[in-house]
Each structure stands twice: as C-alpha cells, then as structure tokens.
Amino acid sequence: MDAAEIDEKNLSAAEEHGSRTHQATGQNDFAFAYNKEIYRFTDGIVKRVCTAEPRLIEIVNKGSSANQRNHYLFEVHSKRLEAPARILMSPKIMVSRKAFSVALLTYVPWASFEGNTSDLGRFLSYASEEYFSRERRA
C-alpha cells in the first residue's frame, strides 16, 4: 500500500469513528483523536486537521501566583516517533495556526496543523476539555 492509500484508509476509519461519536453524543461539531492524528467532525464531514496528536498534559505557570503567565505543555504522539515529544507552548503560539504548526514541526518530523483558525480553536477546546476531564478524575 502506498502513502495515499494508507491516508485514504485512515480517513475512512476516522469518518466511521466520527460518525459513531456523533450518533452517541448528538454533537455536530467536535474534534477527536484517531490513530495519532486529530480530526474534526463538522455537520457530517470529517477532515484531518493535524498529522500528529498533541495532548495537553500540564498548564505551567511561568509567573507568580499573583501574576500568572501560563504556558501549555503538550505531549505529541506521532506515527513517526517511537516515543512522544514534549513541547511547552506559549499563548502566542496557540493563537496562530501557522505558529502552532511550526512549533509541532520543530519537534516532530513532518507534523503539521493543516486546519484553519476555526479548526485550531475547536482543537484547543477539545484539548482543554480532555485535560480538565483527566484532572477531575485524578
């Protein structure tokens, strides 16, 4: 199988996963991880928005308790890495699709954020929901 066939097979499987999640939750717009990539389901359509799977694992205060300066530590899983990479991102990186993609590519070979600004916003909402959900369970 060549790379294009593998990508098409992954997209097909991600579409099935997105459809099942939609049916189970009734949501019409959400991001989800599948096979170490990030996808977005919007009104029945699934598209890949990131070629790696960044997971928010910690919010790091680089300031003081009175004057917080939060940075965000992501653990990035990729099919191209044996072990995940850790990337500490400033808020400036996270407000730009291009800056976010460059940060990924700096640490993870061929990782990129392919989505638009709206996709980045949906992904960041997903990442924070996953993070706070894990925090509540701990």
N, C-alpha and C. Protein backbone atom coordinates (compact mmCIF):
# COMPACT_ATOMS: atom_id res chain seq x y z
N MET A 1 0.84 -1.18 0.00
CA MET A 1 0.00 0.00 0.00
C MET A 1 0.88 1.24 0.00
N ASP A 2 0.58 2.19 -0.87
CA ASP A 2 1.35 3.42 -0.88
C ASP A 2 0.76 4.43 0.12
N ALA A 3 1.44 5.57 0.29
CA ALA A 3 1.05 6.56 1.31
C ALA A 3 -0.36 7.10 1.07
N ALA A 4 -0.73 7.31 -0.18
CA ALA A 4 -2.06 7.84 -0.49
C ALA A 4 -3.15 6.83 -0.09
N GLU A 5 -2.91 5.55 -0.34
CA GLU A 5 -3.89 4.52 0.04
C GLU A 5 -4.01 4.41 1.56
N ILE A 6 -2.89 4.54 2.24
CA ILE A 6 -2.92 4.49 3.70
C ILE A 6 -3.68 5.69 4.25
N ASP A 7 -3.42 6.88 3.70
CA ASP A 7 -4.14 8.09 4.13
C ASP A 7 -5.64 7.94 3.90
N GLU A 8 -6.02 7.39 2.76
CA GLU A 8 -7.45 7.22 2.45
C GLU A 8 -8.08 6.20 3.40
N LYS A 9 -7.36 5.13 3.71
CA LYS A 9 -7.86 4.13 4.64
C LYS A 9 -8.02 4.73 6.05
N ASN A 10 -7.04 5.52 6.49
CA ASN A 10 -7.13 6.18 7.79
C ASN A 10 -8.29 7.15 7.84
N LEU A 11 -8.50 7.93 6.78
CA LEU A 11 -9.60 8.88 6.74
C LEU A 11 -10.94 8.15 6.79
N SER A 12 -11.05 7.05 6.08
CA SER A 12 -12.28 6.27 6.09
C SER A 12 -12.58 5.75 7.49
N ALA A 13 -11.56 5.24 8.17
CA ALA A 13 -11.75 4.73 9.53
C ALA A 13 -12.07 5.88 10.49
N ALA A 14 -11.43 7.04 10.30
CA ALA A 14 -11.72 8.21 11.13
C ALA A 14 -13.14 8.70 10.89
N GLU A 15 -13.62 8.64 9.65
CA GLU A 15 -15.00 9.03 9.35
C GLU A 15 -15.98 8.13 10.10
N GLU A 16 -15.70 6.83 10.12
CA GLU A 16 -16.56 5.90 10.86
C GLU A 16 -16.55 6.23 12.35
N HIS A 17 -15.37 6.49 12.89
CA HIS A 17 -15.24 6.84 14.30
C HIS A 17 -16.00 8.13 14.61
N GLY A 18 -15.84 9.14 13.77
CA GLY A 18 -16.55 10.41 13.95
C GLY A 18 -18.06 10.23 13.88
N SER A 19 -18.52 9.42 12.95
CA SER A 19 -19.96 9.17 12.82
C SER A 19 -20.52 8.45 14.04
N ARG A 20 -19.78 7.48 14.56
CA ARG A 20 -20.23 6.78 15.77
C ARG A 20 -20.29 7.74 16.96
N THR A 21 -19.29 8.60 17.09
CA THR A 21 -19.28 9.58 18.19
C THR A 21 -20.46 10.53 18.04
N HIS A 22 -20.71 10.98 16.82
CA HIS A 22 -21.85 11.87 16.55
C HIS A 22 -23.16 11.20 16.95
N GLN A 23 -23.33 9.95 16.55
CA GLN A 23 -24.56 9.23 16.88
C GLN A 23 -24.72 9.04 18.38
N ALA A 24 -23.61 8.79 19.07
CA ALA A 24 -23.66 8.56 20.52
C ALA A 24 -23.90 9.83 21.31
N THR A 25 -23.36 10.96 20.81
CA THR A 25 -23.43 12.20 21.59
C THR A 25 -24.40 13.24 21.03
N GLY A 26 -24.71 13.14 19.75
CA GLY A 26 -25.56 14.14 19.11
C GLY A 26 -24.82 15.42 18.75
N GLN A 27 -23.54 15.48 19.00
CA GLN A 27 -22.75 16.67 18.66
C GLN A 27 -22.57 16.77 17.15
N ASN A 28 -22.59 18.00 16.65
CA ASN A 28 -22.42 18.23 15.22
C ASN A 28 -21.08 18.86 14.87
N ASP A 29 -20.31 19.28 15.88
CA ASP A 29 -19.03 19.94 15.62
C ASP A 29 -18.08 19.59 16.77
N PHE A 30 -17.11 18.74 16.50
CA PHE A 30 -16.17 18.34 17.55
C PHE A 30 -14.86 17.87 16.93
N ALA A 31 -13.81 17.95 17.73
CA ALA A 31 -12.51 17.42 17.34
C ALA A 31 -12.32 16.09 18.06
N PHE A 32 -11.54 15.22 17.46
CA PHE A 32 -11.25 13.93 18.09
C PHE A 32 -9.91 13.39 17.59
N ALA A 33 -9.31 12.57 18.43
CA ALA A 33 -8.05 11.91 18.07
C ALA A 33 -8.37 10.54 17.50
N TYR A 34 -7.64 10.19 16.46
CA TYR A 34 -7.77 8.85 15.89
C TYR A 34 -6.44 8.49 15.25
N ASN A 35 -5.88 7.36 15.65
CA ASN A 35 -4.66 6.82 15.07
C ASN A 35 -3.52 7.85 15.05
N LYS A 36 -3.33 8.53 16.19
CA LYS A 36 -2.26 9.52 16.40
C LYS A 36 -2.36 10.71 15.45
N GLU A 37 -3.58 11.09 15.10
CA GLU A 37 -3.86 12.30 14.33
C GLU A 37 -5.10 12.95 14.93
N ILE A 38 -5.32 14.22 14.59
CA ILE A 38 -6.51 14.94 15.06
C ILE A 38 -7.42 15.22 13.86
N TYR A 39 -8.71 14.95 14.08
CA TYR A 39 -9.73 15.16 13.05
C TYR A 39 -10.81 16.09 13.60
N ARG A 40 -11.56 16.67 12.70
CA ARG A 40 -12.72 17.48 13.08
C ARG A 40 -13.94 16.97 12.33
N PHE A 41 -15.01 16.76 13.10
CA PHE A 41 -16.30 16.37 12.55
C PHE A 41 -17.16 17.62 12.54
N THR A 42 -17.63 18.04 11.38
CA THR A 42 -18.49 19.21 11.27
C THR A 42 -19.64 18.87 10.33
N ASP A 43 -20.85 18.84 10.88
CA ASP A 43 -22.05 18.60 10.07
C ASP A 43 -21.92 17.40 9.14
N GLY A 44 -21.43 16.29 9.68
CA GLY A 44 -21.35 15.06 8.90
C GLY A 44 -20.09 14.88 8.09
N ILE A 45 -19.21 15.86 8.09
CA ILE A 45 -17.98 15.77 7.31
C ILE A 45 -16.80 15.67 8.27
N VAL A 46 -15.89 14.74 7.98
CA VAL A 46 -14.69 14.56 8.79
C VAL A 46 -13.49 14.99 7.96
N LYS A 47 -12.64 15.81 8.57
CA LYS A 47 -11.39 16.18 7.89
C LYS A 47 -10.24 16.10 8.88
N ARG A 48 -9.08 15.71 8.39
CA ARG A 48 -7.88 15.68 9.23
C ARG A 48 -7.40 17.11 9.40
N VAL A 49 -7.13 17.50 10.63
CA VAL A 49 -6.64 18.85 10.88
C VAL A 49 -5.20 18.86 11.41
N CYS A 50 -4.71 17.71 11.88
CA CYS A 50 -3.34 17.66 12.40
C CYS A 50 -2.76 16.27 12.14
N THR A 51 -1.54 16.25 11.64
CA THR A 51 -0.89 14.99 11.29
C THR A 51 -0.18 14.33 12.46
N ALA A 52 -0.41 14.86 13.66
CA ALA A 52 0.08 14.27 14.90
C ALA A 52 -1.02 14.43 15.94
N GLU A 53 -0.80 13.90 17.13
CA GLU A 53 -1.81 14.01 18.18
C GLU A 53 -1.22 14.72 19.41
N PRO A 54 -1.34 16.04 19.46
CA PRO A 54 -0.89 16.76 20.66
C PRO A 54 -1.91 16.58 21.79
N ARG A 55 -1.40 16.23 22.98
CA ARG A 55 -2.25 16.07 24.16
C ARG A 55 -1.78 17.06 25.22
N LEU A 56 -2.66 17.91 25.67
CA LEU A 56 -2.32 18.85 26.74
C LEU A 56 -2.15 18.04 28.02
N ILE A 57 -0.95 18.11 28.63
CA ILE A 57 -0.72 17.31 29.83
C ILE A 57 -0.45 18.17 31.07
N GLU A 58 -0.15 19.46 30.87
CA GLU A 58 0.10 20.30 32.04
C GLU A 58 0.00 21.76 31.66
N ILE A 59 -0.52 22.56 32.59
CA ILE A 59 -0.51 24.01 32.45
C ILE A 59 0.54 24.51 33.43
N VAL A 60 1.56 25.20 32.90
CA VAL A 60 2.72 25.60 33.69
C VAL A 60 2.68 27.12 33.89
N ASN A 61 2.68 27.56 35.14
CA ASN A 61 2.72 28.99 35.45
C ASN A 61 4.17 29.45 35.43
N LYS A 62 4.53 30.29 34.47
CA LYS A 62 5.88 30.82 34.36
C LYS A 62 6.01 32.15 35.09
N GLY A 63 4.94 32.59 35.75
CA GLY A 63 4.95 33.83 36.51
C GLY A 63 4.87 33.54 37.99
N SER A 64 4.05 34.30 38.68
CA SER A 64 3.86 34.10 40.11
C SER A 64 2.39 33.81 40.37
N SER A 65 2.05 33.53 41.62
CA SER A 65 0.64 33.28 41.93
C SER A 65 -0.19 34.55 41.75
N ALA A 66 0.41 35.70 41.94
CA ALA A 66 -0.31 36.97 41.78
C ALA A 66 -0.35 37.43 40.32
N ASN A 67 0.64 37.00 39.54
CA ASN A 67 0.72 37.43 38.14
C ASN A 67 1.06 36.21 37.28
N GLN A 68 0.04 35.41 36.99
CA GLN A 68 0.25 34.17 36.24
C GLN A 68 0.63 34.45 34.80
N ARG A 69 1.53 33.62 34.29
CA ARG A 69 1.91 33.60 32.88
C ARG A 69 1.92 32.14 32.46
N ASN A 70 0.75 31.66 32.07
CA ASN A 70 0.59 30.24 31.76
C ASN A 70 1.20 29.87 30.42
N HIS A 71 1.84 28.72 30.43
CA HIS A 71 2.31 28.06 29.22
C HIS A 71 1.69 26.66 29.25
N TYR A 72 1.68 26.01 28.10
CA TYR A 72 0.94 24.77 27.97
C TYR A 72 1.87 23.68 27.47
N LEU A 73 1.99 22.62 28.27
CA LEU A 73 2.85 21.51 27.92
C LEU A 73 2.03 20.44 27.20
N PHE A 74 2.43 20.17 25.97
CA PHE A 74 1.78 19.15 25.16
C PHE A 74 2.71 17.95 25.02
N GLU A 75 2.14 16.78 25.06
CA GLU A 75 2.83 15.55 24.72
C GLU A 75 2.31 15.20 23.33
N VAL A 76 3.20 15.15 22.37
CA VAL A 76 2.79 14.95 20.98
C VAL A 76 3.11 13.53 20.54
N HIS A 77 2.06 12.81 20.21
CA HIS A 77 2.19 11.44 19.72
C HIS A 77 2.15 11.47 18.19
N SER A 78 3.01 10.68 17.59
CA SER A 78 3.09 10.66 16.13
C SER A 78 3.46 9.26 15.66
N LYS A 79 2.97 8.92 14.49
CA LYS A 79 3.34 7.64 13.89
C LYS A 79 4.81 7.63 13.50
N ARG A 80 5.42 8.81 13.45
CA ARG A 80 6.82 8.92 13.04
C ARG A 80 7.81 8.90 14.20
N LEU A 81 7.30 8.83 15.43
CA LEU A 81 8.16 8.82 16.61
C LEU A 81 7.90 7.55 17.43
N GLU A 82 8.95 6.99 18.00
CA GLU A 82 8.77 5.84 18.89
C GLU A 82 8.21 6.28 20.23
N ALA A 83 8.68 7.43 20.72
CA ALA A 83 8.20 7.97 22.00
C ALA A 83 7.66 9.38 21.74
N PRO A 84 6.66 9.79 22.50
CA PRO A 84 6.10 11.12 22.29
C PRO A 84 7.10 12.23 22.60
N ALA A 85 6.95 13.34 21.91
CA ALA A 85 7.76 14.54 22.16
C ALA A 85 6.98 15.46 23.08
N ARG A 86 7.68 16.22 23.90
CA ARG A 86 7.03 17.20 24.77
C ARG A 86 7.37 18.59 24.28
N ILE A 87 6.33 19.41 24.15
CA ILE A 87 6.50 20.77 23.66
C ILE A 87 5.80 21.73 24.62
N LEU A 88 6.55 22.69 25.16
CA LEU A 88 5.98 23.73 26.01
C LEU A 88 5.67 24.92 25.12
N MET A 89 4.38 25.28 25.04
CA MET A 89 3.95 26.34 24.14
C MET A 89 3.46 27.56 24.92
N SER A 90 3.84 28.71 24.42
CA SER A 90 3.35 29.96 24.99
C SER A 90 1.98 30.26 24.39
N PRO A 91 1.21 31.14 25.03
CA PRO A 91 -0.09 31.51 24.45
C PRO A 91 0.04 32.10 23.05
N LYS A 92 1.13 32.79 22.76
CA LYS A 92 1.31 33.39 21.42
C LYS A 92 1.33 32.32 20.33
N ILE A 93 1.92 31.18 20.63
CA ILE A 93 1.98 30.09 19.65
C ILE A 93 0.58 29.53 19.41
N MET A 94 -0.22 29.49 20.46
CA MET A 94 -1.52 28.82 20.37
C MET A 94 -2.62 29.65 19.73
N VAL A 95 -2.38 30.92 19.45
CA VAL A 95 -3.42 31.73 18.81
C VAL A 95 -3.26 31.80 17.29
N SER A 96 -2.19 31.23 16.80
CA SER A 96 -1.94 31.26 15.35
C SER A 96 -1.80 29.84 14.83
N ARG A 97 -2.58 29.53 13.82
CA ARG A 97 -2.49 28.21 13.19
C ARG A 97 -1.09 27.97 12.67
N LYS A 98 -0.51 28.97 12.05
CA LYS A 98 0.83 28.84 11.48
C LYS A 98 1.88 28.63 12.59
N ALA A 99 1.83 29.42 13.65
CA ALA A 99 2.80 29.29 14.75
C ALA A 99 2.67 27.92 15.42
N PHE A 100 1.43 27.45 15.59
CA PHE A 100 1.20 26.14 16.20
C PHE A 100 1.81 25.06 15.31
N SER A 101 1.61 25.16 14.03
CA SER A 101 2.15 24.18 13.09
C SER A 101 3.67 24.19 13.10
N VAL A 102 4.28 25.37 13.13
CA VAL A 102 5.74 25.48 13.15
C VAL A 102 6.29 24.86 14.44
N ALA A 103 5.63 25.10 15.58
CA ALA A 103 6.06 24.50 16.85
C ALA A 103 6.03 22.98 16.76
N LEU A 104 4.98 22.43 16.17
CA LEU A 104 4.90 20.97 16.01
C LEU A 104 6.04 20.46 15.13
N LEU A 105 6.21 21.11 14.01
CA LEU A 105 7.22 20.67 13.03
C LEU A 105 8.64 20.78 13.59
N THR A 106 8.86 21.70 14.50
CA THR A 106 10.17 21.87 15.11
C THR A 106 10.58 20.62 15.91
N TYR A 107 9.62 19.97 16.54
CA TYR A 107 9.92 18.85 17.43
C TYR A 107 9.50 17.48 16.89
N VAL A 108 8.60 17.45 15.93
CA VAL A 108 8.08 16.18 15.43
C VAL A 108 8.20 16.17 13.90
N PRO A 109 8.97 15.24 13.34
CA PRO A 109 9.15 15.20 11.89
C PRO A 109 7.82 15.14 11.14
N TRP A 110 7.64 16.03 10.22
CA TRP A 110 6.50 16.10 9.31
C TRP A 110 5.15 16.32 10.01
N ALA A 111 5.17 16.73 11.26
CA ALA A 111 3.91 17.03 11.94
C ALA A 111 3.48 18.44 11.56
N SER A 112 2.21 18.60 11.24
CA SER A 112 1.72 19.94 10.91
C SER A 112 0.25 20.05 11.27
N PHE A 113 -0.14 21.28 11.56
CA PHE A 113 -1.54 21.56 11.76
C PHE A 113 -2.07 22.04 10.42
N GLU A 114 -2.92 21.24 9.80
CA GLU A 114 -3.41 21.50 8.44
C GLU A 114 -4.71 22.29 8.42
N GLY A 115 -5.37 22.38 9.56
CA GLY A 115 -6.67 23.03 9.62
C GLY A 115 -6.57 24.54 9.58
N ASN A 116 -7.73 25.18 9.58
CA ASN A 116 -7.79 26.64 9.59
C ASN A 116 -7.88 27.16 11.02
N THR A 117 -8.07 28.47 11.19
CA THR A 117 -8.14 29.07 12.51
C THR A 117 -9.30 28.51 13.32
N SER A 118 -10.43 28.28 12.68
CA SER A 118 -11.59 27.70 13.37
C SER A 118 -11.28 26.28 13.86
N ASP A 119 -10.57 25.51 13.04
CA ASP A 119 -10.17 24.15 13.43
C ASP A 119 -9.23 24.19 14.64
N LEU A 120 -8.32 25.17 14.66
CA LEU A 120 -7.41 25.30 15.79
C LEU A 120 -8.19 25.61 17.07
N GLY A 121 -9.15 26.50 16.97
CA GLY A 121 -9.99 26.81 18.14
C GLY A 121 -10.74 25.60 18.64
N ARG A 122 -11.31 24.81 17.73
CA ARG A 122 -12.04 23.61 18.13
C ARG A 122 -11.08 22.59 18.74
N PHE A 123 -9.89 22.44 18.15
CA PHE A 123 -8.91 21.52 18.70
C PHE A 123 -8.49 21.95 20.12
N LEU A 124 -8.21 23.23 20.32
CA LEU A 124 -7.79 23.69 21.64
C LEU A 124 -8.89 23.49 22.67
N SER A 125 -10.14 23.67 22.27
CA SER A 125 -11.26 23.38 23.18
C SER A 125 -11.26 21.90 23.54
N TYR A 126 -11.09 21.06 22.54
CA TYR A 126 -11.02 19.61 22.76
C TYR A 126 -9.87 19.27 23.71
N ALA A 127 -8.69 19.83 23.46
CA ALA A 127 -7.52 19.53 24.28
C ALA A 127 -7.74 19.96 25.73
N SER A 128 -8.33 21.13 25.93
CA SER A 128 -8.55 21.59 27.30
C SER A 128 -9.64 20.76 27.99
N GLU A 129 -10.68 20.37 27.26
CA GLU A 129 -11.72 19.51 27.84
C GLU A 129 -11.14 18.17 28.27
N GLU A 130 -10.28 17.58 27.43
CA GLU A 130 -9.63 16.31 27.77
C GLU A 130 -8.74 16.48 29.00
N TYR A 131 -8.00 17.57 29.04
CA TYR A 131 -7.10 17.83 30.17
C TYR A 131 -7.88 17.97 31.48
N PHE A 132 -8.89 18.83 31.48
CA PHE A 132 -9.64 19.05 32.71
C PHE A 132 -10.46 17.82 33.11
N SER A 133 -10.88 17.04 32.15
CA SER A 133 -11.57 15.79 32.45
C SER A 133 -10.64 14.83 33.17
N ARG A 134 -9.41 14.71 32.71
CA ARG A 134 -8.42 13.86 33.39
C ARG A 134 -8.11 14.39 34.77
N GLU A 135 -8.01 15.70 34.92
CA GLU A 135 -7.72 16.31 36.22
C GLU A 135 -8.83 16.00 37.23
N ARG A 136 -10.07 16.06 36.79
CA ARG A 136 -11.21 15.78 37.69
C ARG A 136 -11.23 14.33 38.13
N ARG A 137 -10.82 13.42 37.23
CA ARG A 137 -10.81 12.00 37.57
C ARG A 137 -9.66 11.63 38.50
N ALA A 138 -8.59 12.42 38.47
CA ALA A 138 -7.39 12.10 39.28
C ALA A 138 -7.59 12.36 40.75
